[in-house]
Structure formats: structure tokens, C-alpha cells
């Protein structure tokens, strides 16, 4: 397996924290690209998949845009645009609330649930292949370190 220095064609880092930071950024992008390769044949992107998974987890209950945005893996300001694209594909529905037209409820459709079922197997297989490089103990330790990085 090539090192991060080999992958981005740079000299070795003097500070291991700099190397770790670049490696985290590079690996995050690499993971998103791998996920998008699996999702591309289904016509959705990783953020769209994330929205659908969030809605599936609601078991038929609606969510508003703010709630969806707060649960996104990648925090982004264009959640309404993501919802619009999913609406066009028939994967979600949007209902305005009668008491407040600015509040909109978003539901996943049967078509959206079916797509997720179709995506789940190849995506889980791809992610399992990636994670096979780590033991369960290594994965647990990595998760602890990543949580620690986000401490302020």
C-alpha cells in the first residue's frame, strides 16, 4: 500500500500531526469517491444517499429541512436543493404544514425505500472490503482517535 507521501507526491512530513491531518483529509475524500462509485449506477450522490438513510430511519415519520441538515454526515447549506433532486426522482415527498407554510415535512417514498434496499447490498460489500484492512480492535481505536480529534 502506498504511503500518503507517495500518493500525493510530496516529501516526508516533519511533524507526524501534519502527516496525520493530510492523511485524514485524503482518506475522507477517497472514501466518498468509493461510495459515489457504488451509488452512481443508482443515479444518486453520497449526500442524497445520506438524506434517504436519515428519512428511512424515521420509519415513516416526517422530518423538516433543519432536522435533516442537523443529522447529515457532511454539513451543507444546500439541503433544500438535495431534496429537490430527490423529489424529481420520486424518492421523497414534500408536504407543507397547514399551520405554517414555511415549515415543510419531508417523507421517503416507497420508491426511495426500494432504492435503498437495492443500494444496501453493494454498498455494504464495498465498505466491508475497505474495512477488512482493519481488525475490530483497530477500528475501535481509530474511532476513538477520530472522536478525540473533534474535541475542542
N, C-alpha and C. Protein backbone atom coordinates (compact mmCIF):
# COMPACT_ATOMS: atom_id res chain seq x y z
N UNK A 1 0.85 -1.18 0.00
CA UNK A 1 0.00 0.00 0.00
C UNK A 1 0.89 1.24 0.00
N UNK A 2 0.64 2.17 -0.92
CA UNK A 2 1.46 3.40 -0.96
C UNK A 2 1.18 4.29 0.25
N UNK A 3 2.21 5.02 0.65
CA UNK A 3 2.06 5.98 1.75
C UNK A 3 1.37 7.23 1.24
N UNK A 4 0.93 8.08 2.16
CA UNK A 4 0.29 9.33 1.77
C UNK A 4 1.27 10.20 0.98
N UNK A 5 2.55 10.16 1.36
CA UNK A 5 3.55 10.95 0.63
C UNK A 5 3.66 10.48 -0.81
N UNK A 6 3.61 9.17 -1.03
CA UNK A 6 3.67 8.64 -2.39
C UNK A 6 2.41 8.99 -3.18
N UNK A 7 1.28 8.92 -2.52
CA UNK A 7 0.01 9.20 -3.21
C UNK A 7 -0.09 10.65 -3.69
N UNK A 8 0.37 11.59 -2.86
CA UNK A 8 0.26 13.00 -3.26
C UNK A 8 1.60 13.58 -3.71
N UNK A 9 2.59 12.69 -3.85
CA UNK A 9 3.90 13.06 -4.41
C UNK A 9 4.51 14.26 -3.67
N UNK A 10 4.76 14.04 -2.39
CA UNK A 10 5.36 15.08 -1.56
C UNK A 10 6.49 14.50 -0.73
N UNK A 11 7.29 15.37 -0.16
CA UNK A 11 8.37 14.95 0.73
C UNK A 11 7.78 14.47 2.06
N UNK A 12 8.54 13.66 2.79
CA UNK A 12 8.05 13.23 4.11
C UNK A 12 7.77 14.43 5.02
N UNK A 13 6.75 14.30 5.83
CA UNK A 13 6.36 15.38 6.74
C UNK A 13 7.28 15.38 7.96
N UNK A 14 7.66 16.57 8.41
CA UNK A 14 8.50 16.69 9.61
C UNK A 14 7.69 16.42 10.86
N UNK A 15 6.46 16.90 10.88
CA UNK A 15 5.59 16.73 12.05
C UNK A 15 4.57 15.63 11.75
N UNK A 16 4.55 14.57 12.55
CA UNK A 16 3.60 13.48 12.29
C UNK A 16 2.14 13.93 12.36
N UNK A 17 1.86 15.02 13.09
CA UNK A 17 0.49 15.53 13.14
C UNK A 17 0.08 16.11 11.79
N UNK A 18 1.03 16.75 11.09
CA UNK A 18 0.74 17.25 9.74
C UNK A 18 0.44 16.09 8.80
N UNK A 19 1.25 15.03 8.92
CA UNK A 19 1.04 13.84 8.09
C UNK A 19 -0.32 13.22 8.37
N UNK A 20 -0.67 13.13 9.65
CA UNK A 20 -1.96 12.56 10.03
C UNK A 20 -3.12 13.39 9.48
N UNK A 21 -3.01 14.71 9.59
CA UNK A 21 -4.09 15.58 9.11
C UNK A 21 -4.29 15.44 7.61
N UNK A 22 -3.21 15.48 6.85
CA UNK A 22 -3.31 15.32 5.39
C UNK A 22 -3.87 13.94 5.06
N UNK A 23 -3.44 12.94 5.79
CA UNK A 23 -3.91 11.58 5.55
C UNK A 23 -5.41 11.45 5.83
N UNK A 24 -5.90 12.10 6.88
CA UNK A 24 -7.33 12.07 7.20
C UNK A 24 -8.13 12.74 6.09
N UNK A 25 -7.68 13.91 5.65
CA UNK A 25 -8.38 14.63 4.58
C UNK A 25 -8.39 13.81 3.30
N UNK A 26 -7.25 13.28 2.93
CA UNK A 26 -7.13 12.48 1.70
C UNK A 26 -8.02 11.23 1.80
N UNK A 27 -7.96 10.55 2.92
CA UNK A 27 -8.72 9.31 3.09
C UNK A 27 -10.22 9.57 3.11
N UNK A 28 -10.64 10.68 3.72
CA UNK A 28 -12.06 11.04 3.70
C UNK A 28 -12.56 11.23 2.28
N UNK A 29 -11.78 11.94 1.48
CA UNK A 29 -12.15 12.16 0.08
C UNK A 29 -12.15 10.83 -0.69
N UNK A 30 -11.18 9.99 -0.42
CA UNK A 30 -11.08 8.68 -1.07
C UNK A 30 -12.31 7.83 -0.74
N UNK A 31 -12.73 7.85 0.53
CA UNK A 31 -13.91 7.08 0.93
C UNK A 31 -15.17 7.58 0.24
N UNK A 32 -15.35 8.89 0.18
CA UNK A 32 -16.53 9.46 -0.50
C UNK A 32 -16.52 9.06 -1.98
N UNK A 33 -15.35 9.09 -2.61
CA UNK A 33 -15.26 8.68 -4.01
C UNK A 33 -15.63 7.21 -4.19
N UNK A 34 -15.18 6.35 -3.28
CA UNK A 34 -15.53 4.93 -3.36
C UNK A 34 -17.04 4.73 -3.20
N UNK A 35 -17.64 5.45 -2.26
CA UNK A 35 -19.09 5.37 -2.05
C UNK A 35 -19.82 5.86 -3.29
N UNK A 36 -19.37 6.98 -3.86
CA UNK A 36 -20.02 7.51 -5.06
C UNK A 36 -19.92 6.57 -6.25
N UNK A 37 -18.85 5.79 -6.34
CA UNK A 37 -18.73 4.80 -7.42
C UNK A 37 -19.84 3.75 -7.32
N UNK A 38 -20.17 3.36 -6.10
CA UNK A 38 -21.24 2.38 -5.90
C UNK A 38 -22.60 3.02 -6.17
N UNK A 39 -22.77 4.28 -5.77
CA UNK A 39 -24.07 4.95 -5.90
C UNK A 39 -24.37 5.43 -7.32
N UNK A 40 -23.33 5.67 -8.11
CA UNK A 40 -23.52 6.25 -9.45
C UNK A 40 -24.51 5.47 -10.32
N UNK A 41 -24.44 4.13 -10.38
CA UNK A 41 -25.41 3.40 -11.21
C UNK A 41 -26.86 3.58 -10.75
N UNK A 42 -27.06 4.00 -9.51
CA UNK A 42 -28.41 4.21 -8.98
C UNK A 42 -28.87 5.66 -9.19
N UNK A 43 -27.98 6.49 -9.71
CA UNK A 43 -28.35 7.87 -10.03
C UNK A 43 -28.43 8.81 -8.84
N UNK A 44 -27.75 8.45 -7.74
CA UNK A 44 -27.74 9.34 -6.58
C UNK A 44 -26.31 9.57 -6.11
N UNK A 45 -26.14 10.67 -5.39
CA UNK A 45 -24.84 11.02 -4.83
C UNK A 45 -24.79 10.62 -3.36
N UNK A 46 -23.61 10.72 -2.77
CA UNK A 46 -23.45 10.37 -1.35
C UNK A 46 -24.33 11.25 -0.46
N UNK A 47 -24.38 12.59 -0.66
CA UNK A 47 -25.28 13.39 0.18
C UNK A 47 -26.76 13.02 0.00
N UNK A 48 -27.17 12.69 -1.23
CA UNK A 48 -28.55 12.27 -1.45
C UNK A 48 -28.83 10.94 -0.73
N UNK A 49 -27.87 10.04 -0.80
CA UNK A 49 -27.99 8.76 -0.09
C UNK A 49 -28.12 9.00 1.41
N UNK A 50 -27.32 9.93 1.93
CA UNK A 50 -27.37 10.26 3.35
C UNK A 50 -28.76 10.76 3.75
N UNK A 51 -29.36 11.63 2.93
CA UNK A 51 -30.71 12.13 3.21
C UNK A 51 -31.71 10.97 3.22
N UNK A 52 -31.61 10.09 2.24
CA UNK A 52 -32.53 8.95 2.18
C UNK A 52 -32.39 8.04 3.39
N UNK A 53 -31.16 7.80 3.82
CA UNK A 53 -30.94 6.96 5.01
C UNK A 53 -31.52 7.60 6.26
N UNK A 54 -31.34 8.91 6.38
CA UNK A 54 -31.90 9.63 7.53
C UNK A 54 -33.41 9.48 7.55
N UNK A 55 -34.04 9.66 6.38
CA UNK A 55 -35.50 9.56 6.30
C UNK A 55 -35.97 8.13 6.53
N UNK A 56 -35.24 7.16 6.03
CA UNK A 56 -35.61 5.75 6.27
C UNK A 56 -35.61 5.46 7.78
N UNK A 57 -34.67 6.03 8.48
CA UNK A 57 -34.57 5.82 9.92
C UNK A 57 -35.73 6.39 10.71
N UNK A 58 -36.55 7.22 10.07
CA UNK A 58 -37.71 7.82 10.73
C UNK A 58 -38.93 6.89 10.72
N UNK A 59 -38.83 5.76 10.03
CA UNK A 59 -39.92 4.78 9.98
C UNK A 59 -41.26 5.39 9.59
N UNK A 60 -41.25 6.21 8.53
CA UNK A 60 -42.49 6.79 8.02
C UNK A 60 -42.85 8.13 8.61
N UNK A 61 -42.14 8.57 9.64
CA UNK A 61 -42.40 9.88 10.24
C UNK A 61 -41.67 10.95 9.45
N UNK A 62 -42.26 12.14 9.33
CA UNK A 62 -41.63 13.20 8.54
C UNK A 62 -40.50 13.90 9.29
N UNK A 63 -39.69 14.60 8.54
CA UNK A 63 -38.65 15.47 9.10
C UNK A 63 -38.70 16.78 8.34
N UNK A 64 -38.27 17.87 8.99
CA UNK A 64 -38.15 19.13 8.26
C UNK A 64 -36.70 19.30 7.81
N UNK A 65 -36.47 20.31 6.98
CA UNK A 65 -35.14 20.52 6.41
C UNK A 65 -34.07 20.70 7.48
N UNK A 66 -34.39 21.48 8.52
CA UNK A 66 -33.41 21.72 9.58
C UNK A 66 -33.02 20.43 10.27
N UNK A 67 -33.99 19.57 10.57
CA UNK A 67 -33.70 18.30 11.23
C UNK A 67 -32.82 17.42 10.35
N UNK A 68 -33.12 17.39 9.06
CA UNK A 68 -32.31 16.60 8.14
C UNK A 68 -30.89 17.14 8.11
N UNK A 69 -30.76 18.44 7.95
CA UNK A 69 -29.44 19.06 7.87
C UNK A 69 -28.62 18.79 9.12
N UNK A 70 -29.26 18.82 10.29
CA UNK A 70 -28.53 18.62 11.54
C UNK A 70 -27.99 17.19 11.68
N UNK A 71 -28.56 16.25 10.95
CA UNK A 71 -28.14 14.86 11.04
C UNK A 71 -27.25 14.41 9.88
N UNK A 72 -26.99 15.31 8.94
CA UNK A 72 -26.15 14.97 7.79
C UNK A 72 -24.71 14.70 8.23
N UNK A 73 -24.07 13.74 7.58
CA UNK A 73 -22.66 13.46 7.84
C UNK A 73 -21.83 14.66 7.39
N UNK A 74 -22.08 15.14 6.19
CA UNK A 74 -21.42 16.34 5.68
C UNK A 74 -22.40 17.50 5.83
N UNK A 75 -22.07 18.42 6.72
CA UNK A 75 -22.95 19.57 6.94
C UNK A 75 -22.88 20.48 5.72
N UNK A 76 -24.02 20.77 5.12
CA UNK A 76 -24.05 21.61 3.92
C UNK A 76 -25.28 22.49 3.94
N UNK A 77 -25.18 23.60 3.25
CA UNK A 77 -26.27 24.57 3.25
C UNK A 77 -27.31 24.29 2.16
N UNK A 78 -27.02 23.38 1.26
CA UNK A 78 -27.92 23.16 0.12
C UNK A 78 -28.81 21.93 0.28
N UNK A 79 -29.26 21.67 1.49
CA UNK A 79 -30.13 20.51 1.72
C UNK A 79 -31.42 20.64 0.93
N UNK A 80 -31.95 21.87 0.81
CA UNK A 80 -33.20 22.03 0.05
C UNK A 80 -32.99 21.64 -1.42
N UNK A 81 -31.82 21.93 -1.97
CA UNK A 81 -31.52 21.52 -3.35
C UNK A 81 -31.42 20.00 -3.46
N UNK A 82 -30.81 19.37 -2.46
CA UNK A 82 -30.75 17.90 -2.45
C UNK A 82 -32.16 17.31 -2.42
N UNK A 83 -33.02 17.89 -1.60
CA UNK A 83 -34.41 17.42 -1.50
C UNK A 83 -35.11 17.61 -2.84
N UNK A 84 -34.88 18.75 -3.50
CA UNK A 84 -35.50 19.00 -4.81
C UNK A 84 -35.11 17.91 -5.81
N UNK A 85 -33.83 17.53 -5.82
CA UNK A 85 -33.38 16.48 -6.74
C UNK A 85 -34.01 15.14 -6.41
N UNK A 86 -34.14 14.85 -5.12
CA UNK A 86 -34.79 13.60 -4.72
C UNK A 86 -36.28 13.61 -5.04
N UNK A 87 -36.90 14.79 -4.95
CA UNK A 87 -38.31 14.94 -5.35
C UNK A 87 -38.49 14.63 -6.83
N UNK A 88 -37.61 15.20 -7.66
CA UNK A 88 -37.68 14.98 -9.11
C UNK A 88 -37.59 13.49 -9.45
N UNK A 89 -36.83 12.74 -8.65
CA UNK A 89 -36.66 11.31 -8.90
C UNK A 89 -37.76 10.48 -8.25
N UNK A 90 -38.66 11.14 -7.51
CA UNK A 90 -39.75 10.42 -6.85
C UNK A 90 -39.32 9.64 -5.62
N UNK A 91 -38.17 9.99 -5.05
CA UNK A 91 -37.65 9.25 -3.91
C UNK A 91 -38.11 9.81 -2.56
N UNK A 92 -38.56 11.07 -2.57
CA UNK A 92 -39.12 11.70 -1.37
C UNK A 92 -40.36 12.49 -1.75
N UNK A 93 -41.15 12.83 -0.75
CA UNK A 93 -42.31 13.72 -0.92
C UNK A 93 -42.16 14.88 0.05
N UNK A 94 -42.74 16.01 -0.35
CA UNK A 94 -42.69 17.21 0.49
C UNK A 94 -44.12 17.67 0.72
N UNK A 95 -44.47 17.93 1.98
CA UNK A 95 -45.80 18.43 2.33
C UNK A 95 -45.66 19.68 3.18
N UNK A 96 -46.34 20.76 2.76
CA UNK A 96 -46.35 21.98 3.57
C UNK A 96 -47.30 21.79 4.73
N UNK A 97 -46.95 22.33 5.87
CA UNK A 97 -47.83 22.28 7.04
C UNK A 97 -48.89 23.36 6.90
N UNK A 98 -50.12 23.01 7.21
CA UNK A 98 -51.22 23.98 7.09
C UNK A 98 -51.05 25.15 8.05
N UNK A 99 -50.58 24.88 9.26
CA UNK A 99 -50.47 25.94 10.26
C UNK A 99 -49.28 26.88 10.00
N UNK A 100 -48.30 26.42 9.24
CA UNK A 100 -47.13 27.25 8.95
C UNK A 100 -46.56 26.80 7.61
N UNK A 101 -46.85 27.53 6.55
CA UNK A 101 -46.45 27.12 5.20
C UNK A 101 -44.94 27.13 5.00
N UNK A 102 -44.22 27.84 5.90
CA UNK A 102 -42.76 27.83 5.78
C UNK A 102 -42.16 26.53 6.30
N UNK A 103 -42.91 25.81 7.12
CA UNK A 103 -42.45 24.52 7.62
C UNK A 103 -42.88 23.44 6.63
N UNK A 104 -41.94 22.63 6.22
CA UNK A 104 -42.20 21.61 5.21
C UNK A 104 -41.79 20.25 5.79
N UNK A 105 -42.66 19.28 5.67
CA UNK A 105 -42.37 17.92 6.09
C UNK A 105 -41.87 17.12 4.90
N UNK A 106 -40.80 16.38 5.12
CA UNK A 106 -40.21 15.54 4.07
C UNK A 106 -40.38 14.08 4.49
N UNK A 107 -40.86 13.26 3.55
CA UNK A 107 -41.07 11.83 3.75
C UNK A 107 -40.30 11.07 2.68
N UNK A 108 -39.83 9.88 3.01
CA UNK A 108 -39.27 9.00 1.98
C UNK A 108 -40.44 8.23 1.35
N UNK A 109 -40.37 8.02 0.04
CA UNK A 109 -41.42 7.29 -0.67
C UNK A 109 -41.09 5.80 -0.72
N UNK A 110 -42.05 5.01 -1.17
CA UNK A 110 -41.79 3.58 -1.37
C UNK A 110 -40.67 3.38 -2.39
N UNK A 111 -40.67 4.22 -3.42
CA UNK A 111 -39.60 4.15 -4.43
C UNK A 111 -38.25 4.42 -3.78
N UNK A 112 -38.20 5.38 -2.86
CA UNK A 112 -36.96 5.68 -2.14
C UNK A 112 -36.52 4.52 -1.27
N UNK A 113 -37.46 3.90 -0.58
CA UNK A 113 -37.14 2.75 0.27
C UNK A 113 -36.64 1.58 -0.57
N UNK A 114 -37.27 1.37 -1.72
CA UNK A 114 -36.84 0.29 -2.62
C UNK A 114 -35.43 0.54 -3.12
N UNK A 115 -35.15 1.79 -3.50
CA UNK A 115 -33.80 2.11 -3.97
C UNK A 115 -32.77 1.83 -2.88
N UNK A 116 -33.07 2.24 -1.65
CA UNK A 116 -32.13 2.00 -0.56
C UNK A 116 -31.88 0.51 -0.37
N UNK A 117 -32.92 -0.31 -0.47
CA UNK A 117 -32.74 -1.76 -0.36
C UNK A 117 -31.81 -2.26 -1.46
N UNK A 118 -31.97 -1.72 -2.67
CA UNK A 118 -31.13 -2.12 -3.79
C UNK A 118 -29.68 -1.67 -3.61
N UNK A 119 -29.50 -0.51 -3.00
CA UNK A 119 -28.16 0.06 -2.80
C UNK A 119 -27.44 -0.61 -1.64
N UNK A 120 -28.19 -1.01 -0.62
CA UNK A 120 -27.58 -1.51 0.62
C UNK A 120 -26.57 -2.63 0.39
N UNK A 121 -26.90 -3.62 -0.40
CA UNK A 121 -26.02 -4.78 -0.56
C UNK A 121 -24.70 -4.40 -1.22
N UNK A 122 -24.69 -3.76 -2.40
CA UNK A 122 -23.40 -3.43 -2.99
C UNK A 122 -22.60 -2.42 -2.16
N UNK A 123 -23.28 -1.50 -1.51
CA UNK A 123 -22.56 -0.51 -0.71
C UNK A 123 -21.93 -1.16 0.51
N UNK A 124 -22.69 -2.00 1.21
CA UNK A 124 -22.13 -2.68 2.38
C UNK A 124 -20.97 -3.59 1.98
N UNK A 125 -21.07 -4.23 0.83
CA UNK A 125 -19.98 -5.08 0.35
C UNK A 125 -18.73 -4.25 0.09
N UNK A 126 -18.89 -3.10 -0.54
CA UNK A 126 -17.76 -2.23 -0.81
C UNK A 126 -17.12 -1.73 0.48
N UNK A 127 -17.95 -1.29 1.42
CA UNK A 127 -17.43 -0.79 2.69
C UNK A 127 -16.76 -1.90 3.49
N UNK A 128 -17.32 -3.10 3.44
CA UNK A 128 -16.71 -4.23 4.14
C UNK A 128 -15.33 -4.53 3.57
N UNK A 129 -15.21 -4.46 2.24
CA UNK A 129 -13.90 -4.69 1.61
C UNK A 129 -12.87 -3.67 2.09
N UNK A 130 -13.30 -2.42 2.23
CA UNK A 130 -12.40 -1.37 2.71
C UNK A 130 -12.00 -1.64 4.16
N UNK A 131 -12.97 -1.98 4.98
CA UNK A 131 -12.72 -2.14 6.42
C UNK A 131 -12.00 -3.44 6.77
N UNK A 132 -11.91 -4.37 5.82
CA UNK A 132 -11.19 -5.62 6.09
C UNK A 132 -9.73 -5.38 6.40
N UNK A 133 -9.20 -4.21 6.02
CA UNK A 133 -7.81 -3.89 6.31
C UNK A 133 -7.58 -3.62 7.79
N UNK A 134 -8.65 -3.43 8.56
CA UNK A 134 -8.55 -3.15 9.99
C UNK A 134 -9.18 -4.28 10.79
N UNK A 135 -8.53 -4.63 11.91
CA UNK A 135 -9.17 -5.55 12.85
C UNK A 135 -10.27 -4.78 13.58
N UNK A 136 -11.12 -5.49 14.30
CA UNK A 136 -12.16 -4.81 15.07
C UNK A 136 -11.54 -3.90 16.13
N UNK A 137 -10.46 -4.37 16.75
CA UNK A 137 -9.78 -3.54 17.76
C UNK A 137 -9.18 -2.29 17.13
N UNK A 138 -8.57 -2.43 15.95
CA UNK A 138 -8.01 -1.26 15.26
C UNK A 138 -9.11 -0.28 14.86
N UNK A 139 -10.23 -0.80 14.38
CA UNK A 139 -11.35 0.07 14.00
C UNK A 139 -11.88 0.82 15.22
N UNK A 140 -11.99 0.12 16.36
CA UNK A 140 -12.46 0.77 17.58
C UNK A 140 -11.49 1.86 18.02
N UNK A 141 -10.20 1.58 17.95
CA UNK A 141 -9.20 2.58 18.34
C UNK A 141 -9.22 3.77 17.39
N UNK A 142 -9.35 3.51 16.10
CA UNK A 142 -9.44 4.60 15.12
C UNK A 142 -10.63 5.49 15.42
N UNK A 143 -11.77 4.89 15.72
CA UNK A 143 -12.97 5.68 16.04
C UNK A 143 -12.74 6.55 17.27
N UNK A 144 -12.06 6.02 18.27
CA UNK A 144 -11.74 6.80 19.47
C UNK A 144 -10.84 7.98 19.11
N UNK A 145 -9.82 7.73 18.30
CA UNK A 145 -8.90 8.81 17.91
C UNK A 145 -9.61 9.89 17.10
N UNK A 146 -10.49 9.48 16.20
CA UNK A 146 -11.22 10.46 15.39
C UNK A 146 -12.16 11.29 16.26
N UNK A 147 -12.81 10.64 17.23
CA UNK A 147 -13.65 11.39 18.18
C UNK A 147 -12.80 12.39 18.96
N UNK A 148 -11.61 11.96 19.36
CA UNK A 148 -10.71 12.83 20.13
C UNK A 148 -10.29 14.05 19.31
N UNK A 149 -10.08 13.87 18.02
CA UNK A 149 -9.70 14.99 17.15
C UNK A 149 -10.74 16.10 17.16
N UNK A 150 -12.01 15.72 17.28
CA UNK A 150 -13.08 16.72 17.23
C UNK A 150 -13.34 17.40 18.56
N UNK A 151 -12.63 16.99 19.61
CA UNK A 151 -12.78 17.65 20.91
C UNK A 151 -12.21 19.06 20.83
N UNK A 152 -12.91 19.98 21.44
CA UNK A 152 -12.41 21.37 21.42
C UNK A 152 -12.11 21.84 22.81
